[in-house]
Amino acid sequence: MRLITERLILRPWEESDAEHLYLYAKDENIGPPAGWPAHQNVEESKAVIQNEFNHPEIYAVALKETNEAIGCIGLLIGKNSNFDISETEAEVAYWVGVPHWGKGYIPEALQTLIKHAFVDLKMTDLWCGFYEENIKSLRAQSKCGFTFAYKSENRYDKYFKDDRIEVITRLKYEDWLRTQL
């Protein structure tokens, strides 16, 4: 499936995206704040595409003009989520490469993904988490209607083997629908 926005295409990842993925995911400003290590080489990025991004509802955030993958966005539905949620709820996860920060790409992609989740997939609630120090992520969520739900004080990060404070936000279908009228 492809979702189209004004400037972006949300599309399935392709193995040919590995070089672009590595270009952005090797940056220490991307993965570690989100809880995953920076990529070490193109082969690792290719493996991530094959094993982690090769799932329904995980999309490359690609520039419409060039089809270059500049980030990732997706829905982790029900038991696939990192949260204890039902099969009618989904966790939203995303990132965008540093050269594309501040251009509004993630809120643009997120608004389209939210509509897809609520209208096409009939989700009742969307959840999103971020580590407390990742204020950029909070800004994108807030722009799209997510509000504070709770804070998890001792969220264990499996890659960095430490405990972090994770803030969880939520967007209910009813609240989103009110903004569409």
Protein backbone atom coordinates (compact mmCIF):
# COMPACT_ATOMS: atom_id res chain seq x y z
CA MET A 1 0.00 0.00 0.00
CA ARG A 2 1.05 3.57 -0.68
CA LEU A 3 -0.17 6.67 1.10
CA ILE A 4 0.34 9.98 -0.66
CA THR A 5 0.71 13.40 0.96
CA GLU A 6 1.44 16.79 -0.57
CA ARG A 7 5.22 16.22 -0.60
CA LEU A 8 5.68 12.58 0.38
CA ILE A 9 4.94 8.99 -0.51
CA LEU A 10 4.58 6.51 2.34
CA ARG A 11 5.46 3.22 0.70
CA PRO A 12 6.86 -0.20 1.51
CA TRP A 13 10.60 -0.37 2.02
CA GLU A 14 12.64 -1.87 -0.82
CA GLU A 15 16.10 -3.45 -0.64
CA SER A 16 17.28 -0.71 -3.01
CA ASP A 17 16.59 1.77 -0.17
CA ALA A 18 19.47 0.33 1.89
CA GLU A 19 21.99 3.02 0.92
CA HIS A 20 19.60 5.85 1.77
CA LEU A 21 18.61 4.14 5.00
CA TYR A 22 22.27 3.81 5.98
CA LEU A 23 22.95 7.44 5.03
CA TYR A 24 20.43 8.61 7.66
CA ALA A 25 20.46 5.76 10.19
CA LYS A 26 24.22 5.91 10.75
CA ASP A 27 23.75 9.33 12.39
CA GLU A 28 23.95 9.15 16.19
CA ASN A 29 21.22 11.81 16.37
CA ILE A 30 18.62 9.42 14.90
CA GLY A 31 18.65 5.94 16.44
CA PRO A 32 20.01 6.37 19.97
CA PRO A 33 17.41 8.99 21.03
CA ALA A 34 14.72 6.61 19.72
CA GLY A 35 16.24 3.57 21.43
CA TRP A 36 18.13 1.79 18.65
CA PRO A 37 21.83 1.88 17.72
CA ALA A 38 23.18 3.77 14.74
CA HIS A 39 23.69 1.54 11.70
CA GLN A 40 27.28 0.47 11.05
CA ASN A 41 27.11 -0.29 7.30
CA VAL A 42 24.83 -0.69 4.28
CA GLU A 43 24.54 -4.44 4.89
CA GLU A 44 23.08 -3.80 8.34
CA SER A 45 20.59 -1.35 6.84
CA LYS A 46 19.63 -3.95 4.23
CA ALA A 47 19.05 -6.52 6.97
CA VAL A 48 16.85 -4.04 8.86
CA ILE A 49 14.77 -3.55 5.71
CA GLN A 50 14.43 -7.32 5.23
CA ASN A 51 13.72 -8.22 8.86
CA GLU A 52 12.25 -5.24 10.68
CA PHE A 53 10.70 -3.00 8.04
CA ASN A 54 9.22 -5.84 5.97
CA HIS A 55 5.88 -5.83 7.79
CA PRO A 56 2.43 -4.52 7.01
CA GLU A 57 1.93 -0.88 7.98
CA ILE A 58 5.66 -0.03 8.10
CA TYR A 59 6.46 2.61 5.50
CA ALA A 60 9.44 4.38 4.04
CA VAL A 61 8.89 8.14 4.15
CA ALA A 62 9.96 9.03 0.61
CA LEU A 63 10.18 12.39 -1.10
CA LYS A 64 7.53 12.58 -3.80
CA GLU A 65 9.88 14.29 -6.27
CA THR A 66 12.74 11.77 -6.06
CA ASN A 67 11.29 8.68 -4.27
CA GLU A 68 14.31 8.86 -1.90
CA ALA A 69 13.58 7.24 1.47
CA ILE A 70 14.38 9.89 4.11
CA GLY A 71 12.74 8.28 7.13
CA CYS A 72 10.35 5.68 8.44
CA ILE A 73 6.84 5.67 9.88
CA GLY A 74 4.57 2.86 10.85
CA LEU A 75 1.87 1.29 12.95
CA LEU A 76 2.53 -1.53 15.39
CA ILE A 77 -0.92 -2.99 15.89
CA GLY A 78 -2.05 -4.81 19.03
CA LYS A 79 0.37 -7.48 20.16
CA ASN A 80 3.07 -6.16 17.78
CA SER A 81 3.26 -2.97 19.84
CA ASN A 82 5.72 -2.27 22.62
CA PHE A 83 2.69 -1.36 24.76
CA ASP A 84 -0.02 -3.57 26.22
CA ILE A 85 -2.84 -2.60 23.85
CA SER A 86 -5.77 -4.30 22.13
CA GLU A 87 -5.98 -5.38 18.49
CA THR A 88 -8.02 -2.24 17.72
CA GLU A 89 -5.21 -0.01 18.93
CA ALA A 90 -1.82 0.77 17.42
CA GLU A 91 1.50 2.27 18.41
CA VAL A 92 2.89 4.87 16.02
CA ALA A 93 6.64 4.96 15.45
CA TYR A 94 8.64 7.29 13.20
CA TRP A 95 11.91 9.05 12.46
CA VAL A 96 13.34 11.25 9.72
CA GLY A 97 16.94 11.93 8.68
CA VAL A 98 18.67 14.96 10.21
CA PRO A 99 18.99 16.94 6.93
CA HIS A 100 15.17 16.84 6.76
CA TRP A 101 14.46 18.04 10.30
CA GLY A 102 12.37 21.15 10.66
CA LYS A 103 10.64 20.80 7.29
CA GLY A 104 7.37 19.39 8.66
CA TYR A 105 7.73 16.02 6.95
CA ILE A 106 6.91 13.89 9.99
CA PRO A 107 3.74 15.80 10.97
CA GLU A 108 2.66 15.61 7.31
CA ALA A 109 3.31 11.86 7.17
CA LEU A 110 1.81 11.33 10.63
CA GLN A 111 -1.45 13.08 9.76
CA THR A 112 -1.88 10.81 6.73
CA LEU A 113 -1.01 7.70 8.74
CA ILE A 114 -3.48 8.71 11.48
CA LYS A 115 -6.28 9.05 8.93
CA HIS A 116 -5.37 5.66 7.44
CA ALA A 117 -5.34 4.05 10.89
CA PHE A 118 -8.73 5.43 11.92
CA VAL A 119 -10.60 5.37 8.60
CA ASP A 120 -9.19 2.35 6.76
CA LEU A 121 -8.01 0.14 9.63
CA LYS A 122 -10.76 1.14 12.09
CA MET A 123 -8.36 1.66 15.00
CA THR A 124 -9.93 3.10 18.17
CA ASP A 125 -6.77 4.56 19.74
CA LEU A 126 -3.25 5.41 18.67
CA TRP A 127 -0.34 5.46 21.11
CA CYS A 128 3.10 6.97 20.75
CA GLY A 129 6.09 6.93 23.05
CA PHE A 130 9.29 8.90 23.28
CA TYR A 131 12.18 9.04 25.67
CA GLU A 132 11.83 12.09 27.89
CA GLU A 133 14.79 13.94 26.41
CA ASN A 134 13.52 13.57 22.80
CA ILE A 135 11.53 16.83 22.68
CA LYS A 136 11.46 16.88 18.85
CA SER A 137 9.29 13.77 18.89
CA LEU A 138 6.90 15.36 21.35
CA ARG A 139 6.47 18.38 19.07
CA ALA A 140 5.45 16.22 16.10
CA GLN A 141 2.98 14.26 18.24
CA SER A 142 1.46 17.41 19.73
CA LYS A 143 0.98 18.98 16.28
CA CYS A 144 -1.07 15.92 15.32
CA GLY A 145 -3.33 15.86 18.38
CA PHE A 146 -1.59 13.35 20.67
CA THR A 147 -1.85 14.21 24.36
CA PHE A 148 -0.07 12.98 27.47
CA ALA A 149 -1.30 9.58 28.71
CA TYR A 150 1.32 8.43 31.24
CA LYS A 151 5.01 8.20 32.03
CA SER A 152 6.97 4.95 32.36
CA GLU A 153 9.86 5.56 34.77
CA ASN A 154 11.90 2.40 34.17
CA ARG A 155 11.55 1.53 30.48
CA TYR A 156 14.35 -0.94 29.72
CA ASP A 157 16.15 -0.31 26.44
CA LYS A 158 17.29 -3.67 25.03
CA TYR A 159 19.95 -2.17 22.76
CA PHE A 160 21.62 0.14 25.25
CA LYS A 161 20.83 -2.04 28.28
CA ASP A 162 19.69 0.82 30.46
CA ASP A 163 16.51 2.16 32.00
CA ARG A 164 14.97 5.30 30.57
CA ILE A 165 11.96 7.49 31.22
CA GLU A 166 9.43 7.07 28.44
CA VAL A 167 6.51 9.43 27.96
CA ILE A 168 3.44 7.90 26.35
CA THR A 169 0.92 9.95 24.40
CA ARG A 170 -2.45 8.95 23.01
CA LEU A 171 -4.88 10.00 20.30
CA LYS A 172 -8.43 8.66 20.54
CA TYR A 173 -10.54 8.26 17.42
CA GLU A 174 -13.28 10.51 18.85
CA ASP A 175 -10.78 13.30 19.54
CA TRP A 176 -9.28 13.02 16.06
CA LEU A 177 -12.74 12.98 14.47
CA ARG A 178 -13.66 16.28 16.17
CA THR A 179 -10.70 17.94 14.44
CA GLN A 180 -11.90 16.70 11.04
CA LEU A 181 -15.32 18.38 11.19
